[in-house]
Amino acid sequence: MRATMGIMMLLTLLLLGTACGNNEKTVEAAAGQSTPPVANGSATFTVTGLDCCPPSVIQDLISKVEGVSKVDIEPMGNKGKVTVSFYDKKTDLKQIQTSVTKYGFGVKGG
């Protein structure tokens, strides 16, 4: 009885795998993919005007820019030191800083 149930389960799994397409090719394709690209651009600049705003707001604004991979903010009173890593084929420092200044914050350095 156990052997019959085991064979039935094996056949069911094989049928499901066939019905869902060629799983081996999918696994091979996933295994053959290269690792994600590493951010190749980085910059540090200061954001001013954080009097009534937590630094996490700036972090969220910058994180939404396509191509940004990492944002760190070190609060310093009413300003914050921002360190950002990004993919230079998708964005640049000017675009990142614009994402902050269009909401009324100031940017220094970079």
C-alpha atoms as a PDB file:
ATOM      1  CA  MET A   1       0.000   0.000   0.000  1.00  0.00           C
ATOM      2  CA  ARG A   2       2.795   2.458   0.884  1.00  0.00           C
ATOM      3  CA  ALA A   3       4.652   1.654  -2.312  1.00  0.00           C
ATOM      4  CA  THR A   4       1.523   2.339  -4.343  1.00  0.00           C
ATOM      5  CA  MET A   5       0.977   5.689  -2.608  1.00  0.00           C
ATOM      6  CA  GLY A   6       4.629   6.620  -3.146  1.00  0.00           C
ATOM      7  CA  ILE A   7       4.403   5.808  -6.849  1.00  0.00           C
ATOM      8  CA  MET A   8       1.165   7.786  -7.151  1.00  0.00           C
ATOM      9  CA  MET A   9       2.762  10.806  -5.489  1.00  0.00           C
ATOM     10  CA  LEU A  10       5.781  10.564  -7.760  1.00  0.00           C
ATOM     11  CA  LEU A  11       3.573  10.366 -10.855  1.00  0.00           C
ATOM     12  CA  THR A  12       1.528  13.336  -9.629  1.00  0.00           C
ATOM     13  CA  LEU A  13       4.672  15.419  -9.139  1.00  0.00           C
ATOM     14  CA  LEU A  14       5.947  14.464 -12.582  1.00  0.00           C
ATOM     15  CA  LEU A  15       2.620  15.373 -14.170  1.00  0.00           C
ATOM     16  CA  LEU A  16       2.510  18.701 -12.347  1.00  0.00           C
ATOM     17  CA  GLY A  17       6.036  19.487 -13.477  1.00  0.00           C
ATOM     18  CA  THR A  18       5.127  18.677 -17.073  1.00  0.00           C
ATOM     19  CA  ALA A  19       1.902  20.668 -16.905  1.00  0.00           C
ATOM     20  CA  CYS A  20       3.741  23.723 -15.611  1.00  0.00           C
ATOM     21  CA  GLY A  21       6.257  23.737 -18.423  1.00  0.00           C
ATOM     22  CA  ASN A  22       9.840  22.619 -18.548  1.00  0.00           C
ATOM     23  CA  ASN A  23      11.030  23.265 -15.029  1.00  0.00           C
ATOM     24  CA  GLU A  24      14.569  22.134 -15.805  1.00  0.00           C
ATOM     25  CA  LYS A  25      15.055  24.928 -18.310  1.00  0.00           C
ATOM     26  CA  THR A  26      13.717  27.472 -15.841  1.00  0.00           C
ATOM     27  CA  VAL A  27      16.123  26.285 -13.161  1.00  0.00           C
ATOM     28  CA  GLU A  28      19.013  26.252 -15.625  1.00  0.00           C
ATOM     29  CA  ALA A  29      18.173  29.753 -16.823  1.00  0.00           C
ATOM     30  CA  ALA A  30      18.021  31.031 -13.260  1.00  0.00           C
ATOM     31  CA  ALA A  31      21.286  29.323 -12.389  1.00  0.00           C
ATOM     32  CA  GLY A  32      22.965  30.736 -15.497  1.00  0.00           C
ATOM     33  CA  GLN A  33      21.997  34.328 -14.765  1.00  0.00           C
ATOM     34  CA  SER A  34      24.786  36.567 -13.647  1.00  0.00           C
ATOM     35  CA  THR A  35      24.696  38.257 -10.292  1.00  0.00           C
ATOM     36  CA  PRO A  36      22.910  41.596 -10.149  1.00  0.00           C
ATOM     37  CA  PRO A  37      25.029  44.570 -11.154  1.00  0.00           C
ATOM     38  CA  VAL A  38      26.892  46.386  -8.413  1.00  0.00           C
ATOM     39  CA  ALA A  39      26.303  50.095  -7.964  1.00  0.00           C
ATOM     40  CA  ASN A  40      29.197  51.874  -9.632  1.00  0.00           C
ATOM     41  CA  GLY A  41      28.472  55.452  -8.613  1.00  0.00           C
ATOM     42  CA  SER A  42      28.484  57.022  -5.194  1.00  0.00           C
ATOM     43  CA  ALA A  43      28.364  60.499  -3.758  1.00  0.00           C
ATOM     44  CA  THR A  44      28.112  62.337  -0.468  1.00  0.00           C
ATOM     45  CA  PHE A  45      26.336  65.645  -0.047  1.00  0.00           C
ATOM     46  CA  THR A  46      24.464  67.647   2.574  1.00  0.00           C
ATOM     47  CA  VAL A  47      20.718  68.262   2.623  1.00  0.00           C
ATOM     48  CA  THR A  48      19.539  71.382   4.457  1.00  0.00           C
ATOM     49  CA  GLY A  49      16.117  72.399   5.716  1.00  0.00           C
ATOM     50  CA  LEU A  50      15.359  69.415   7.909  1.00  0.00           C
ATOM     51  CA  ASP A  51      13.953  71.607  10.702  1.00  0.00           C
ATOM     52  CA  CYS A  52      10.499  69.977  10.707  1.00  0.00           C
ATOM     53  CA  CYS A  53      11.254  66.864   8.756  1.00  0.00           C
ATOM     54  CA  PRO A  54      12.750  63.539   9.811  1.00  0.00           C
ATOM     55  CA  PRO A  55      15.729  62.369   7.720  1.00  0.00           C
ATOM     56  CA  SER A  56      13.748  59.276   6.704  1.00  0.00           C
ATOM     57  CA  VAL A  57      11.641  61.518   4.414  1.00  0.00           C
ATOM     58  CA  ILE A  58      14.752  62.485   2.437  1.00  0.00           C
ATOM     59  CA  GLN A  59      15.854  58.871   2.405  1.00  0.00           C
ATOM     60  CA  ASP A  60      12.490  57.862   0.920  1.00  0.00           C
ATOM     61  CA  LEU A  61      12.625  60.613  -1.725  1.00  0.00           C
ATOM     62  CA  ILE A  62      16.080  59.552  -2.886  1.00  0.00           C
ATOM     63  CA  SER A  63      15.267  55.836  -2.744  1.00  0.00           C
ATOM     64  CA  LYS A  64      12.468  56.361  -5.270  1.00  0.00           C
ATOM     65  CA  VAL A  65      14.891  57.564  -7.951  1.00  0.00           C
ATOM     66  CA  GLU A  66      15.386  54.769 -10.472  1.00  0.00           C
ATOM     67  CA  GLY A  67      18.928  53.455 -10.256  1.00  0.00           C
ATOM     68  CA  VAL A  68      19.538  54.299  -6.593  1.00  0.00           C
ATOM     69  CA  SER A  69      20.655  51.213  -4.696  1.00  0.00           C
ATOM     70  CA  LYS A  70      21.412  52.550  -1.215  1.00  0.00           C
ATOM     71  CA  VAL A  71      20.873  55.731   0.784  1.00  0.00           C
ATOM     72  CA  ASP A  72      22.349  56.528   4.190  1.00  0.00           C
ATOM     73  CA  ILE A  73      21.615  59.718   6.103  1.00  0.00           C
ATOM     74  CA  GLU A  74      23.505  60.981   9.116  1.00  0.00           C
ATOM     75  CA  PRO A  75      21.389  63.673  10.824  1.00  0.00           C
ATOM     76  CA  MET A  76      23.253  66.804  11.951  1.00  0.00           C
ATOM     77  CA  GLY A  77      20.777  69.280  13.444  1.00  0.00           C
ATOM     78  CA  ASN A  78      18.673  70.866  10.711  1.00  0.00           C
ATOM     79  CA  LYS A  79      20.722  69.199   7.982  1.00  0.00           C
ATOM     80  CA  GLY A  80      21.842  65.725   7.090  1.00  0.00           C
ATOM     81  CA  LYS A  81      24.868  64.147   5.458  1.00  0.00           C
ATOM     82  CA  VAL A  82      23.646  61.898   2.649  1.00  0.00           C
ATOM     83  CA  THR A  83      25.688  59.089   1.151  1.00  0.00           C
ATOM     84  CA  VAL A  84      24.116  57.472  -1.890  1.00  0.00           C
ATOM     85  CA  SER A  85      25.105  54.552  -4.123  1.00  0.00           C
ATOM     86  CA  PHE A  86      23.627  54.308  -7.614  1.00  0.00           C
ATOM     87  CA  TYR A  87      23.906  52.751 -11.075  1.00  0.00           C
ATOM     88  CA  ASP A  88      25.379  55.449 -13.317  1.00  0.00           C
ATOM     89  CA  LYS A  89      23.672  54.039 -16.425  1.00  0.00           C
ATOM     90  CA  LYS A  90      20.264  54.732 -14.858  1.00  0.00           C
ATOM     91  CA  THR A  91      20.778  57.973 -12.938  1.00  0.00           C
ATOM     92  CA  ASP A  92      23.313  60.598 -11.956  1.00  0.00           C
ATOM     93  CA  LEU A  93      24.018  62.857  -9.004  1.00  0.00           C
ATOM     94  CA  LYS A  94      22.130  65.812 -10.501  1.00  0.00           C
ATOM     95  CA  GLN A  95      18.959  63.738 -10.871  1.00  0.00           C
ATOM     96  CA  ILE A  96      19.290  62.452  -7.308  1.00  0.00           C
ATOM     97  CA  GLN A  97      19.777  65.952  -5.902  1.00  0.00           C
ATOM     98  CA  THR A  98      16.838  67.268  -7.953  1.00  0.00           C
ATOM     99  CA  SER A  99      14.596  64.674  -6.294  1.00  0.00           C
ATOM    100  CA  VAL A 100      15.346  66.482  -3.012  1.00  0.00           C
ATOM    101  CA  THR A 101      15.358  70.127  -4.120  1.00  0.00           C
ATOM    102  CA  LYS A 102      12.008  69.937  -5.908  1.00  0.00           C
ATOM    103  CA  TYR A 103      10.414  69.479  -2.471  1.00  0.00           C
ATOM    104  CA  GLY A 104      12.057  72.621  -1.067  1.00  0.00           C
ATOM    105  CA  PHE A 105      15.131  71.183   0.623  1.00  0.00           C
ATOM    106  CA  GLY A 106      18.586  72.570  -0.039  1.00  0.00           C
ATOM    107  CA  VAL A 107      21.582  70.630  -1.312  1.00  0.00           C
ATOM    108  CA  LYS A 108      25.249  71.440  -0.699  1.00  0.00           C
ATOM    109  CA  GLY A 109      28.259  69.618  -2.073  1.00  0.00           C
ATOM    110  CA  GLY A 110      28.408  66.519  -4.150  1.00  0.00           C
END
